[in-house]
Amino acid sequence: MIPPELQSTIKSADKKMDEAVKYFKTELSHIRAGKAKPSLLEGIKVEYYGSQTPLEQLANVSAPESRLLTVQPFDKSALEDIEKAIMSAGLGLNPNNDGNIIRVPLPILSEERRKELVKRVKELAEDARISIRNTRRDANEEIKKKVQKQSLPEDSRYEAEEEIQNLTDQHTEKVDTILENKEEEIMTV
């Protein structure tokens, strides 16, 4: 039985590991696979009246076709700024502005570009795994300190560390599954 003093450390570690997986998913949503998704443009900041404003606060982004995104600004005066921000976002997109709406055609990915994207996805997955392992290390150190400070039995320390390892394995598996799905999505022509 793991004492309540150590349960809080385990819960905290679980939460941090969940956050690492969630962050990984968010980062993947910005990586373009075959189909157009409005989430591709999430995170783009637009210079709007002197401040960096998220694109989703300035415009409605939709995907009317599988290879096209449309950006409908709430304020027409922001059209050029939005267009510039999309171009400079490093996504390899070339938006077209017709004065009312911005159309962002998605080019077909070459084999080389697909491999680059898979490489980037693998880097993000490794970052997520590292974050999970760092959380494990921090939790194990905290458990050792609590066991020594509160003179808890050594068995409870081992049980708690084992629980932390199980959480690490579960979260790493989630990352691996998400990675496999994203790889498959990118490589599918």
Protein backbone atom coordinates (compact mmCIF):
# COMPACT_ATOMS: atom_id res chain seq x y z
CA MET A 1 0.00 0.00 0.00
CA ILE A 2 1.43 3.34 -1.06
CA PRO A 3 1.15 6.01 1.67
CA PRO A 4 -0.88 9.18 0.87
CA GLU A 5 2.31 11.28 1.16
CA LEU A 6 3.66 9.49 -1.93
CA GLN A 7 0.29 9.29 -3.73
CA SER A 8 0.36 13.06 -4.28
CA THR A 9 3.76 12.79 -5.98
CA ILE A 10 2.44 10.03 -8.23
CA LYS A 11 -0.65 12.06 -9.18
CA SER A 12 1.48 15.10 -9.90
CA ALA A 13 3.82 13.03 -12.12
CA ASP A 14 0.84 11.53 -13.96
CA LYS A 15 -0.53 15.01 -14.64
CA LYS A 16 2.83 16.27 -15.96
CA MET A 17 3.17 13.22 -18.22
CA ASP A 18 -0.37 13.82 -19.54
CA GLU A 19 0.62 17.40 -20.31
CA ALA A 20 3.68 16.20 -22.25
CA VAL A 21 1.48 13.92 -24.38
CA LYS A 22 -1.08 16.71 -24.89
CA TYR A 23 1.67 19.14 -25.96
CA PHE A 24 2.99 16.53 -28.42
CA LYS A 25 -0.49 16.18 -29.95
CA THR A 26 -0.80 19.96 -30.24
CA GLU A 27 2.56 20.23 -31.97
CA LEU A 28 1.56 17.47 -34.41
CA SER A 29 -1.62 19.32 -35.34
CA HIS A 30 0.59 22.01 -36.89
CA ILE A 31 2.32 19.50 -39.14
CA ARG A 32 0.60 19.10 -42.44
CA ALA A 33 -0.20 15.68 -43.74
CA GLY A 34 -2.38 15.02 -46.78
CA LYS A 35 -5.61 16.84 -45.98
CA ALA A 36 -6.22 20.49 -45.23
CA LYS A 37 -7.10 21.10 -41.60
CA PRO A 38 -7.79 24.49 -40.02
CA SER A 39 -5.52 23.49 -37.11
CA LEU A 40 -2.59 23.79 -39.52
CA LEU A 41 -2.77 27.58 -39.16
CA GLU A 42 -3.23 27.56 -35.37
CA GLY A 43 -0.42 29.26 -33.54
CA ILE A 44 0.29 31.76 -36.33
CA LYS A 45 0.67 35.25 -34.87
CA VAL A 46 -0.35 38.28 -36.92
CA GLU A 47 0.99 41.81 -36.45
CA TYR A 48 -2.32 43.60 -35.80
CA TYR A 49 -2.38 47.18 -34.53
CA GLY A 50 1.09 46.86 -33.05
CA SER A 51 0.65 43.58 -31.20
CA GLN A 52 1.10 39.91 -32.03
CA THR A 53 -2.42 38.48 -32.23
CA PRO A 54 -3.31 34.80 -32.81
CA LEU A 55 -4.80 34.25 -36.28
CA GLU A 56 -7.88 32.50 -34.83
CA GLN A 57 -8.80 35.76 -33.06
CA LEU A 58 -8.68 37.72 -36.32
CA ALA A 59 -10.26 35.36 -38.82
CA ASN A 60 -12.36 32.29 -39.42
CA VAL A 61 -10.28 29.45 -40.89
CA SER A 62 -12.03 26.63 -42.73
CA ALA A 63 -11.21 23.78 -45.09
CA PRO A 64 -13.86 23.71 -47.86
CA GLU A 65 -11.81 21.21 -49.91
CA SER A 66 -9.17 18.61 -49.08
CA ARG A 67 -6.37 20.74 -50.55
CA LEU A 68 -7.60 24.24 -49.71
CA LEU A 69 -7.88 26.38 -46.59
CA THR A 70 -9.82 29.63 -46.56
CA VAL A 71 -9.20 32.47 -44.15
CA GLN A 72 -12.11 34.92 -43.73
CA PRO A 73 -10.91 37.90 -41.65
CA PHE A 74 -13.35 39.62 -39.30
CA ASP A 75 -11.70 42.95 -40.21
CA LYS A 76 -10.87 43.39 -43.94
CA SER A 77 -8.05 45.80 -43.10
CA ALA A 78 -6.10 42.87 -41.62
CA LEU A 79 -6.07 40.90 -44.91
CA GLU A 80 -2.51 41.80 -45.94
CA ASP A 81 -1.12 41.31 -42.44
CA ILE A 82 -2.72 37.87 -42.23
CA GLU A 83 -1.39 36.95 -45.67
CA LYS A 84 2.13 38.04 -44.66
CA ALA A 85 1.95 36.07 -41.40
CA ILE A 86 0.89 32.87 -43.22
CA MET A 87 3.73 33.27 -45.74
CA SER A 88 6.35 33.84 -43.04
CA ALA A 89 5.12 31.02 -40.76
CA GLY A 90 7.54 28.53 -42.32
CA LEU A 91 4.81 26.12 -43.45
CA GLY A 92 5.70 26.38 -47.15
CA LEU A 93 2.28 27.84 -48.00
CA ASN A 94 1.51 30.46 -50.63
CA PRO A 95 -1.74 32.29 -49.78
CA ASN A 96 -3.83 34.16 -52.39
CA ASN A 97 -5.66 37.31 -51.34
CA ASP A 98 -8.66 38.38 -53.45
CA GLY A 99 -9.60 41.41 -51.32
CA ASN A 100 -12.29 39.58 -49.31
CA ILE A 101 -10.89 36.19 -48.43
CA ILE A 102 -7.52 34.49 -48.37
CA ARG A 103 -7.28 31.14 -50.11
CA VAL A 104 -4.40 28.91 -49.08
CA PRO A 105 -3.91 26.06 -51.57
CA LEU A 106 -1.94 23.15 -50.15
CA PRO A 107 0.63 21.77 -52.56
CA ILE A 108 0.95 18.02 -52.95
CA LEU A 109 3.77 16.80 -50.74
CA SER A 110 6.80 15.36 -52.50
CA GLU A 111 8.36 12.14 -51.22
CA GLU A 112 11.32 14.14 -49.94
CA ARG A 113 9.09 16.60 -48.06
CA ARG A 114 7.12 13.71 -46.55
CA LYS A 115 10.35 12.20 -45.22
CA GLU A 116 11.36 15.59 -43.76
CA LEU A 117 7.99 15.82 -42.01
CA VAL A 118 8.33 12.28 -40.61
CA LYS A 119 11.79 13.19 -39.33
CA ARG A 120 10.35 16.29 -37.62
CA VAL A 121 7.52 14.23 -36.09
CA LYS A 122 10.06 11.74 -34.72
CA GLU A 123 12.03 14.61 -33.16
CA LEU A 124 8.86 15.89 -31.48
CA ALA A 125 8.09 12.38 -30.22
CA GLU A 126 11.56 12.08 -28.74
CA ASP A 127 11.13 15.47 -27.03
CA ALA A 128 7.87 14.20 -25.51
CA ARG A 129 9.57 10.98 -24.32
CA ILE A 130 12.41 13.00 -22.78
CA SER A 131 9.89 15.19 -20.96
CA ILE A 132 8.14 12.07 -19.63
CA ARG A 133 11.44 10.54 -18.46
CA ASN A 134 12.47 13.81 -16.78
CA THR A 135 9.15 13.80 -14.92
CA ARG A 136 9.87 10.21 -13.82
CA ARG A 137 13.33 11.19 -12.56
CA ASP A 138 11.98 14.21 -10.65
CA ALA A 139 9.17 12.15 -9.10
CA ASN A 140 11.57 9.38 -8.02
CA GLU A 141 13.88 11.94 -6.37
CA GLU A 142 10.90 13.50 -4.58
CA ILE A 143 9.78 10.05 -3.39
CA LYS A 144 13.28 9.28 -2.00
CA LYS A 145 13.34 12.57 -0.11
CA LYS A 146 9.87 12.04 1.35
CA VAL A 147 10.71 8.49 2.44
CA GLN A 148 13.88 9.68 4.21
CA LYS A 149 12.33 12.82 5.72
CA GLN A 150 9.16 11.14 6.99
CA SER A 151 10.87 7.83 7.81
CA LEU A 152 8.42 5.83 5.70
CA PRO A 153 9.11 2.14 5.03
CA GLU A 154 11.47 1.38 2.13
CA ASP A 155 8.86 -0.94 0.60
CA SER A 156 6.52 1.99 0.04
CA ARG A 157 9.32 3.78 -1.82
CA TYR A 158 9.76 0.81 -4.17
CA GLU A 159 6.01 0.51 -4.71
CA ALA A 160 5.75 4.21 -5.52
CA GLU A 161 8.73 4.06 -7.90
CA GLU A 162 7.18 1.04 -9.59
CA GLU A 163 3.92 2.97 -10.03
CA ILE A 164 5.87 5.91 -11.51
CA GLN A 165 7.57 3.50 -13.93
CA ASN A 166 4.17 2.08 -14.98
CA LEU A 167 2.92 5.61 -15.69
CA THR A 168 6.10 6.33 -17.67
CA ASP A 169 5.56 3.20 -19.77
CA GLN A 170 1.89 4.02 -20.41
CA HIS A 171 2.61 7.60 -21.50
CA THR A 172 5.56 6.55 -23.67
CA GLU A 173 3.29 3.99 -25.38
CA LYS A 174 0.73 6.75 -26.05
CA VAL A 175 3.44 8.87 -27.67
CA ASP A 176 4.59 5.91 -29.78
CA THR A 177 1.03 5.16 -30.94
CA ILE A 178 0.39 8.80 -31.86
CA LEU A 179 3.74 8.86 -33.69
CA GLU A 180 2.91 5.74 -35.72
CA ASN A 181 -0.50 7.15 -36.71
CA LYS A 182 0.98 10.51 -37.75
CA GLU A 183 3.77 8.81 -39.73
CA GLU A 184 1.22 6.71 -41.57
CA GLU A 185 -0.92 9.80 -42.23
CA ILE A 186 2.05 11.73 -43.66
CA MET A 187 3.35 8.90 -45.83
CA THR A 188 -0.07 8.05 -47.29
CA VAL A 189 -0.31 9.58 -50.75
